[in-house]
Each structure stands twice: as C-alpha cells, then as structure tokens.
Amino acid sequence: MGGDRVALEYAVLVVNGRPVSEPYVDHSRIDGTYFGPVTVPAGHVFVLGDNRFGSIDSRVYGPVPLDAVTGRVLGVLD
C-alpha cells in the first residue's frame, strides 16, 4: 500500500522492515533474490508474484495505481 517500504532480501518479502510469512513460496528455489527497498507511492499498490525468479510484477512495471485494480482484499499484512 502507499507509504509502505518493500524489499526482497534472500527472496524473503520484507515490508516496513519486517519479514512477511508466505508459506506458499518455496524459498529453497529462489535463494539469493534481492530487490529494493522501494517506497510505494500514495494511491498505489506493489504487486508481487509468488514465482520470485520469473514473475513479471511491480519489480518490472512499478507500483500499480489503485484505480487500476479490480478485485477485493482477502487478507492484509499485520
């Protein structure tokens, strides 16, 4: 979300300095993947695929404007 600081450290998603639990990601296959950190602009979201090595997501296209997102939130970061 806007204002969050997002990074990948050793393929682990880190938001605002805290690692995020992602049990669906197989970290053994993507060790050594790094990105950021970047700060998400207001009114945008950072989208990230679970295939860290091969996903084309906000690391390529940048943050996505909220008005371009269609769907509903199923969970949020603590």
PDB file of N, CA and C in Angstrom:
ATOM      1  N   MET A   1       0.846  -1.183   0.000  1.00  0.00           N
ATOM      2  CA  MET A   1       0.000   0.000   0.000  1.00  0.00           C
ATOM      3  C   MET A   1       0.888   1.242   0.000  1.00  0.00           C
ATOM      4  N   GLY A   2       0.282   2.357  -0.355  1.00  0.00           N
ATOM      5  CA  GLY A   2       1.024   3.607  -0.378  1.00  0.00           C
ATOM      6  C   GLY A   2       1.711   3.889   0.951  1.00  0.00           C
ATOM      7  N   GLY A   3       2.976   4.272   0.880  1.00  0.00           N
ATOM      8  CA  GLY A   3       3.758   4.592   2.069  1.00  0.00           C
ATOM      9  C   GLY A   3       4.571   3.425   2.600  1.00  0.00           C
ATOM     10  N   ASP A   4       4.228   2.192   2.199  1.00  0.00           N
ATOM     11  CA  ASP A   4       4.994   1.029   2.648  1.00  0.00           C
ATOM     12  C   ASP A   4       6.345   0.977   1.952  1.00  0.00           C
ATOM     13  N   ARG A   5       7.336   0.461   2.663  1.00  0.00           N
ATOM     14  CA  ARG A   5       8.664   0.244   2.106  1.00  0.00           C
ATOM     15  C   ARG A   5       8.793  -1.259   1.849  1.00  0.00           C
ATOM     16  N   VAL A   6       9.042  -1.632   0.592  1.00  0.00           N
ATOM     17  CA  VAL A   6       9.017  -3.028   0.158  1.00  0.00           C
ATOM     18  C   VAL A   6      10.404  -3.447  -0.333  1.00  0.00           C
ATOM     19  N   ALA A   7      10.809  -4.663   0.061  1.00  0.00           N
ATOM     20  CA  ALA A   7      12.089  -5.204  -0.393  1.00  0.00           C
ATOM     21  C   ALA A   7      12.018  -6.723  -0.433  1.00  0.00           C
ATOM     22  N   LEU A   8      12.935  -7.314  -1.170  1.00  0.00           N
ATOM     23  CA  LEU A   8      13.194  -8.756  -1.116  1.00  0.00           C
ATOM     24  C   LEU A   8      14.620  -8.918  -0.626  1.00  0.00           C
ATOM     25  N   GLU A   9      14.792  -9.711   0.430  1.00  0.00           N
ATOM     26  CA  GLU A   9      16.108  -9.994   0.979  1.00  0.00           C
ATOM     27  C   GLU A   9      16.255 -11.503   1.064  1.00  0.00           C
ATOM     28  N   TYR A  10      17.206 -12.071   0.309  1.00  0.00           N
ATOM     29  CA  TYR A  10      17.330 -13.530   0.218  1.00  0.00           C
ATOM     30  C   TYR A  10      15.999 -14.153  -0.173  1.00  0.00           C
ATOM     31  N   ALA A  11      15.249 -13.506  -1.049  1.00  0.00           N
ATOM     32  CA  ALA A  11      13.950 -13.949  -1.573  1.00  0.00           C
ATOM     33  C   ALA A  11      12.814 -13.843  -0.562  1.00  0.00           C
ATOM     34  N   VAL A  12      13.063 -13.279   0.606  1.00  0.00           N
ATOM     35  CA  VAL A  12      12.021 -13.091   1.623  1.00  0.00           C
ATOM     36  C   VAL A  12      11.444 -11.690   1.460  1.00  0.00           C
ATOM     37  N   LEU A  13      10.118 -11.604   1.380  1.00  0.00           N
ATOM     38  CA  LEU A  13       9.448 -10.316   1.293  1.00  0.00           C
ATOM     39  C   LEU A  13       9.559  -9.595   2.629  1.00  0.00           C
ATOM     40  N   VAL A  14      10.039  -8.364   2.585  1.00  0.00           N
ATOM     41  CA  VAL A  14      10.186  -7.536   3.782  1.00  0.00           C
ATOM     42  C   VAL A  14       9.391  -6.252   3.551  1.00  0.00           C
ATOM     43  N   VAL A  15       8.416  -5.990   4.418  1.00  0.00           N
ATOM     44  CA  VAL A  15       7.597  -4.787   4.317  1.00  0.00           C
ATOM     45  C   VAL A  15       7.791  -3.982   5.594  1.00  0.00           C
ATOM     46  N   ASN A  16       8.219  -2.742   5.408  1.00  0.00           N
ATOM     47  CA  ASN A  16       8.473  -1.840   6.533  1.00  0.00           C
ATOM     48  C   ASN A  16       9.429  -2.458   7.548  1.00  0.00           C
ATOM     49  N   GLY A  17      10.453  -3.147   7.021  1.00  0.00           N
ATOM     50  CA  GLY A  17      11.498  -3.709   7.860  1.00  0.00           C
ATOM     51  C   GLY A  17      11.164  -5.040   8.511  1.00  0.00           C
ATOM     52  N   ARG A  18       9.972  -5.582   8.248  1.00  0.00           N
ATOM     53  CA  ARG A  18       9.559  -6.844   8.878  1.00  0.00           C
ATOM     54  C   ARG A  18       9.337  -7.923   7.821  1.00  0.00           C
ATOM     55  N   PRO A  19       9.920  -9.117   8.008  1.00  0.00           N
ATOM     56  CA  PRO A  19       9.668 -10.208   7.066  1.00  0.00           C
ATOM     57  C   PRO A  19       8.197 -10.611   7.085  1.00  0.00           C
ATOM     58  N   VAL A  20       7.686 -10.976   5.922  1.00  0.00           N
ATOM     59  CA  VAL A  20       6.286 -11.383   5.775  1.00  0.00           C
ATOM     60  C   VAL A  20       6.241 -12.898   5.615  1.00  0.00           C
ATOM     61  N   SER A  21       5.380 -13.561   6.378  1.00  0.00           N
ATOM     62  CA  SER A  21       5.210 -15.006   6.258  1.00  0.00           C
ATOM     63  C   SER A  21       4.457 -15.308   4.964  1.00  0.00           C
ATOM     64  N   GLU A  22       5.057 -16.124   4.114  1.00  0.00           N
ATOM     65  CA  GLU A  22       4.450 -16.529   2.851  1.00  0.00           C
ATOM     66  C   GLU A  22       4.645 -18.031   2.677  1.00  0.00           C
ATOM     67  N   PRO A  23       3.810 -18.839   3.323  1.00  0.00           N
ATOM     68  CA  PRO A  23       4.004 -20.284   3.288  1.00  0.00           C
ATOM     69  C   PRO A  23       3.882 -20.899   1.892  1.00  0.00           C
ATOM     70  N   TYR A  24       3.299 -20.200   0.949  1.00  0.00           N
ATOM     71  CA  TYR A  24       3.111 -20.703  -0.411  1.00  0.00           C
ATOM     72  C   TYR A  24       4.337 -20.499  -1.283  1.00  0.00           C
ATOM     73  N   VAL A  25       5.355 -19.791  -0.799  1.00  0.00           N
ATOM     74  CA  VAL A  25       6.561 -19.531  -1.577  1.00  0.00           C
ATOM     75  C   VAL A  25       7.628 -20.554  -1.203  1.00  0.00           C
ATOM     76  N   ASP A  26       8.201 -21.222  -2.202  1.00  0.00           N
ATOM     77  CA  ASP A  26       9.269 -22.188  -1.976  1.00  0.00           C
ATOM     78  C   ASP A  26      10.601 -21.447  -2.031  1.00  0.00           C
ATOM     79  N   HIS A  27      11.060 -20.990  -0.866  1.00  0.00           N
ATOM     80  CA  HIS A  27      12.279 -20.186  -0.804  1.00  0.00           C
ATOM     81  C   HIS A  27      13.534 -20.969  -1.187  1.00  0.00           C
ATOM     82  N   SER A  28      13.499 -22.283  -1.114  1.00  0.00           N
ATOM     83  CA  SER A  28      14.678 -23.076  -1.482  1.00  0.00           C
ATOM     84  C   SER A  28      14.989 -22.970  -2.974  1.00  0.00           C
ATOM     85  N   ARG A  29      14.006 -22.583  -3.764  1.00  0.00           N
ATOM     86  CA  ARG A  29      14.204 -22.483  -5.211  1.00  0.00           C
ATOM     87  C   ARG A  29      14.598 -21.083  -5.666  1.00  0.00           C
ATOM     88  N   ILE A  30      14.554 -20.115  -4.751  1.00  0.00           N
ATOM     89  CA  ILE A  30      14.787 -18.725  -5.166  1.00  0.00           C
ATOM     90  C   ILE A  30      15.769 -18.008  -4.253  1.00  0.00           C
ATOM     91  N   ASP A  31      16.574 -18.733  -3.496  1.00  0.00           N
ATOM     92  CA  ASP A  31      17.535 -18.121  -2.597  1.00  0.00           C
ATOM     93  C   ASP A  31      18.425 -17.149  -3.375  1.00  0.00           C
ATOM     94  N   GLY A  32      18.703 -16.032  -2.782  1.00  0.00           N
ATOM     95  CA  GLY A  32      19.587 -15.065  -3.404  1.00  0.00           C
ATOM     96  C   GLY A  32      18.881 -14.011  -4.236  1.00  0.00           C
ATOM     97  N   THR A  33      17.552 -13.981  -4.203  1.00  0.00           N
ATOM     98  CA  THR A  33      16.810 -12.966  -4.946  1.00  0.00           C
ATOM     99  C   THR A  33      16.696 -11.703  -4.091  1.00  0.00           C
ATOM    100  N   TYR A  34      17.130 -10.577  -4.659  1.00  0.00           N
ATOM    101  CA  TYR A  34      17.099  -9.306  -3.943  1.00  0.00           C
ATOM    102  C   TYR A  34      16.362  -8.265  -4.776  1.00  0.00           C
ATOM    103  N   PHE A  35      15.712  -7.320  -4.092  1.00  0.00           N
ATOM    104  CA  PHE A  35      15.065  -6.189  -4.757  1.00  0.00           C
ATOM    105  C   PHE A  35      14.875  -5.087  -3.719  1.00  0.00           C
ATOM    106  N   GLY A  36      15.019  -3.848  -4.171  1.00  0.00           N
ATOM    107  CA  GLY A  36      14.686  -2.703  -3.339  1.00  0.00           C
ATOM    108  C   GLY A  36      15.703  -2.418  -2.264  1.00  0.00           C
ATOM    109  N   PRO A  37      15.253  -1.712  -1.270  1.00  0.00           N
ATOM    110  CA  PRO A  37      13.867  -1.357  -0.954  1.00  0.00           C
ATOM    111  C   PRO A  37      13.368  -0.171  -1.773  1.00  0.00           C
ATOM    112  N   VAL A  38      12.049  -0.148  -1.958  1.00  0.00           N
ATOM    113  CA  VAL A  38      11.365   0.964  -2.603  1.00  0.00           C
ATOM    114  C   VAL A  38      10.189   1.376  -1.725  1.00  0.00           C
ATOM    115  N   THR A  39       9.831   2.637  -1.813  1.00  0.00           N
ATOM    116  CA  THR A  39       8.652   3.131  -1.100  1.00  0.00           C
ATOM    117  C   THR A  39       7.507   3.257  -2.091  1.00  0.00           C
ATOM    118  N   VAL A  40       6.376   2.647  -1.760  1.00  0.00           N
ATOM    119  CA  VAL A  40       5.204   2.658  -2.634  1.00  0.00           C
ATOM    120  C   VAL A  40       4.551   4.034  -2.563  1.00  0.00           C
ATOM    121  N   PRO A  41       4.301   4.673  -3.708  1.00  0.00           N
ATOM    122  CA  PRO A  41       3.671   5.992  -3.698  1.00  0.00           C
ATOM    123  C   PRO A  41       2.224   5.921  -3.195  1.00  0.00           C
ATOM    124  N   ALA A  42       1.758   7.022  -2.649  1.00  0.00           N
ATOM    125  CA  ALA A  42       0.354   7.119  -2.219  1.00  0.00           C
ATOM    126  C   ALA A  42      -0.549   6.811  -3.399  1.00  0.00           C
ATOM    127  N   GLY A  43      -1.650   6.102  -3.133  1.00  0.00           N
ATOM    128  CA  GLY A  43      -2.605   5.779  -4.185  1.00  0.00           C
ATOM    129  C   GLY A  43      -2.193   4.630  -5.074  1.00  0.00           C
ATOM    130  N   HIS A  44      -1.179   3.872  -4.658  1.00  0.00           N
ATOM    131  CA  HIS A  44      -0.674   2.747  -5.441  1.00  0.00           C
ATOM    132  C   HIS A  44      -0.547   1.511  -4.561  1.00  0.00           C
ATOM    133  N   VAL A  45      -0.394   0.346  -5.209  1.00  0.00           N
ATOM    134  CA  VAL A  45      -0.056  -0.894  -4.526  1.00  0.00           C
ATOM    135  C   VAL A  45       1.143  -1.512  -5.232  1.00  0.00           C
ATOM    136  N   PHE A  46       1.888  -2.309  -4.491  1.00  0.00           N
ATOM    137  CA  PHE A  46       3.022  -3.042  -5.043  1.00  0.00           C
ATOM    138  C   PHE A  46       2.570  -4.480  -5.196  1.00  0.00           C
ATOM    139  N   VAL A  47       2.536  -4.994  -6.421  1.00  0.00           N
ATOM    140  CA  VAL A  47       2.110  -6.369  -6.660  1.00  0.00           C
ATOM    141  C   VAL A  47       3.351  -7.229  -6.895  1.00  0.00           C
ATOM    142  N   LEU A  48       3.331  -8.435  -6.303  1.00  0.00           N
ATOM    143  CA  LEU A  48       4.487  -9.311  -6.366  1.00  0.00           C
ATOM    144  C   LEU A  48       4.014 -10.740  -6.545  1.00  0.00           C
ATOM    145  N   GLY A  49       4.500 -11.399  -7.583  1.00  0.00           N
ATOM    146  CA  GLY A  49       4.142 -12.789  -7.816  1.00  0.00           C
ATOM    147  C   GLY A  49       4.880 -13.731  -6.883  1.00  0.00           C
ATOM    148  N   ASP A  50       4.323 -14.917  -6.651  1.00  0.00           N
ATOM    149  CA  ASP A  50       4.986 -15.869  -5.764  1.00  0.00           C
ATOM    150  C   ASP A  50       6.130 -16.608  -6.461  1.00  0.00           C
ATOM    151  N   ASN A  51       6.233 -16.507  -7.780  1.00  0.00           N
ATOM    152  CA  ASN A  51       7.381 -17.041  -8.512  1.00  0.00           C
ATOM    153  C   ASN A  51       8.423 -15.933  -8.574  1.00  0.00           C
ATOM    154  N   ARG A  52       9.149 -15.755  -7.490  1.00  0.00           N
ATOM    155  CA  ARG A  52      10.046 -14.612  -7.349  1.00  0.00           C
ATOM    156  C   ARG A  52      11.048 -14.465  -8.484  1.00  0.00           C
ATOM    157  N   PHE A  53      11.527 -15.587  -9.018  1.00  0.00           N
ATOM    158  CA  PHE A  53      12.536 -15.507 -10.065  1.00  0.00           C
ATOM    159  C   PHE A  53      11.935 -15.143 -11.417  1.00  0.00           C
ATOM    160  N   GLY A  54      10.700 -15.606 -11.707  1.00  0.00           N
ATOM    161  CA  GLY A  54      10.167 -15.432 -13.042  1.00  0.00           C
ATOM    162  C   GLY A  54       8.947 -14.546 -13.165  1.00  0.00           C
ATOM    163  N   SER A  55       8.433 -14.020 -12.070  1.00  0.00           N
ATOM    164  CA  SER A  55       7.223 -13.197 -12.150  1.00  0.00           C
ATOM    165  C   SER A  55       7.507 -11.840 -12.774  1.00  0.00           C
ATOM    166  N   ILE A  56       6.571 -11.388 -13.586  1.00  0.00           N
ATOM    167  CA  ILE A  56       6.622 -10.031 -14.122  1.00  0.00           C
ATOM    168  C   ILE A  56       5.592  -9.249 -13.314  1.00  0.00           C
ATOM    169  N   ASP A  57       6.071  -8.388 -12.444  1.00  0.00           N
ATOM    170  CA  ASP A  57       5.217  -7.735 -11.460  1.00  0.00           C
ATOM    171  C   ASP A  57       5.701  -6.311 -11.231  1.00  0.00           C
ATOM    172  N   SER A  58       5.469  -5.755 -10.065  1.00  0.00           N
ATOM    173  CA  SER A  58       5.855  -4.366  -9.799  1.00  0.00           C
ATOM    174  C   SER A  58       7.364  -4.146  -9.828  1.00  0.00           C
ATOM    175  N   ARG A  59       8.136  -5.210  -9.747  1.00  0.00           N
ATOM    176  CA  ARG A  59       9.586  -5.042  -9.895  1.00  0.00           C
ATOM    177  C   ARG A  59       9.938  -4.636 -11.314  1.00  0.00           C
ATOM    178  N   VAL A  60       9.082  -4.990 -12.281  1.00  0.00           N
ATOM    179  CA  VAL A  60       9.301  -4.645 -13.683  1.00  0.00           C
ATOM    180  C   VAL A  60       8.485  -3.406 -14.071  1.00  0.00           C
ATOM    181  N   TYR A  61       7.189  -3.418 -13.736  1.00  0.00           N
ATOM    182  CA  TYR A  61       6.270  -2.366 -14.178  1.00  0.00           C
ATOM    183  C   TYR A  61       6.084  -1.236 -13.185  1.00  0.00           C
ATOM    184  N   GLY A  62       6.569  -1.404 -11.965  1.00  0.00           N
ATOM    185  CA  GLY A  62       6.401  -0.377 -10.941  1.00  0.00           C
ATOM    186  C   GLY A  62       5.077  -0.544 -10.209  1.00  0.00           C
ATOM    187  N   PRO A  63       4.853   0.290  -9.208  1.00  0.00           N
ATOM    188  CA  PRO A  63       3.608   0.227  -8.438  1.00  0.00           C
ATOM    189  C   PRO A  63       2.396   0.466  -9.339  1.00  0.00           C
ATOM    190  N   VAL A  64       1.276  -0.163  -8.975  1.00  0.00           N
ATOM    191  CA  VAL A  64       0.048  -0.099  -9.758  1.00  0.00           C
ATOM    192  C   VAL A  64      -0.912   0.896  -9.106  1.00  0.00           C
ATOM    193  N   PRO A  65      -1.470   1.835  -9.885  1.00  0.00           N
ATOM    194  CA  PRO A  65      -2.455   2.770  -9.311  1.00  0.00           C
ATOM    195  C   PRO A  65      -3.673   2.007  -8.787  1.00  0.00           C
ATOM    196  N   LEU A  66      -4.174   2.403  -7.623  1.00  0.00           N
ATOM    197  CA  LEU A  66      -5.332   1.731  -7.032  1.00  0.00           C
ATOM    198  C   LEU A  66      -6.534   1.725  -7.966  1.00  0.00           C
ATOM    199  N   ASP A  67      -6.708   2.767  -8.751  1.00  0.00           N
ATOM    200  CA  ASP A  67      -7.876   2.805  -9.632  1.00  0.00           C
ATOM    201  C   ASP A  67      -7.759   1.836 -10.803  1.00  0.00           C
ATOM    202  N   ALA A  68      -6.583   1.187 -10.961  1.00  0.00           N
ATOM    203  CA  ALA A  68      -6.410   0.177 -11.998  1.00  0.00           C
ATOM    204  C   ALA A  68      -6.604  -1.238 -11.466  1.00  0.00           C
ATOM    205  N   VAL A  69      -6.880  -1.358 -10.176  1.00  0.00           N
ATOM    206  CA  VAL A  69      -7.037  -2.670  -9.541  1.00  0.00           C
ATOM    207  C   VAL A  69      -8.504  -3.025  -9.451  1.00  0.00           C
ATOM    208  N   THR A  70      -8.828  -4.226  -9.911  1.00  0.00           N
ATOM    209  CA  THR A  70     -10.189  -4.741  -9.798  1.00  0.00           C
ATOM    210  C   THR A  70     -10.137  -5.991  -8.941  1.00  0.00           C
ATOM    211  N   GLY A  71     -10.944  -6.080  -7.928  1.00  0.00           N
ATOM    212  CA  GLY A  71     -10.961  -7.247  -7.058  1.00  0.00           C
ATOM    213  C   GLY A  71     -11.281  -6.838  -5.642  1.00  0.00           C
ATOM    214  N   ARG A  72     -11.079  -7.784  -4.730  1.00  0.00           N
ATOM    215  CA  ARG A  72     -11.317  -7.487  -3.318  1.00  0.00           C
ATOM    216  C   ARG A  72     -10.189  -8.064  -2.488  1.00  0.00           C
ATOM    217  N   VAL A  73      -9.942  -7.478  -1.353  1.00  0.00           N
ATOM    218  CA  VAL A  73      -8.865  -7.888  -0.472  1.00  0.00           C
ATOM    219  C   VAL A  73      -9.291  -9.134   0.298  1.00  0.00           C
ATOM    220  N   LEU A  74      -8.456 -10.160   0.285  1.00  0.00           N
ATOM    221  CA  LEU A  74      -8.731 -11.387   1.019  1.00  0.00           C
ATOM    222  C   LEU A  74      -7.942 -11.454   2.320  1.00  0.00           C
ATOM    223  N   GLY A  75      -6.916 -10.673   2.456  1.00  0.00           N
ATOM    224  CA  GLY A  75      -6.102 -10.640   3.668  1.00  0.00           C
ATOM    225  C   GLY A  75      -5.213  -9.415   3.626  1.00  0.00           C
ATOM    226  N   VAL A  76      -4.719  -9.006   4.767  1.00  0.00           N
ATOM    227  CA  VAL A  76      -3.855  -7.833   4.839  1.00  0.00           C
ATOM    228  C   VAL A  76      -2.654  -8.150   5.698  1.00  0.00           C
ATOM    229  N   LEU A  77      -1.599  -7.372   5.534  1.00  0.00           N
ATOM    230  CA  LEU A  77      -0.407  -7.525   6.368  1.00  0.00           C
ATOM    231  C   LEU A  77      -0.698  -6.944   7.743  1.00  0.00           C
ATOM    232  N   ASP A  78      -0.164  -7.591   8.753  1.00  0.00           N
ATOM    233  CA  ASP A  78      -0.301  -7.071  10.120  1.00  0.00           C
ATOM    234  C   ASP A  78       0.616  -5.904  10.335  1.00  0.00           C
TER     235      ASP A  78
END
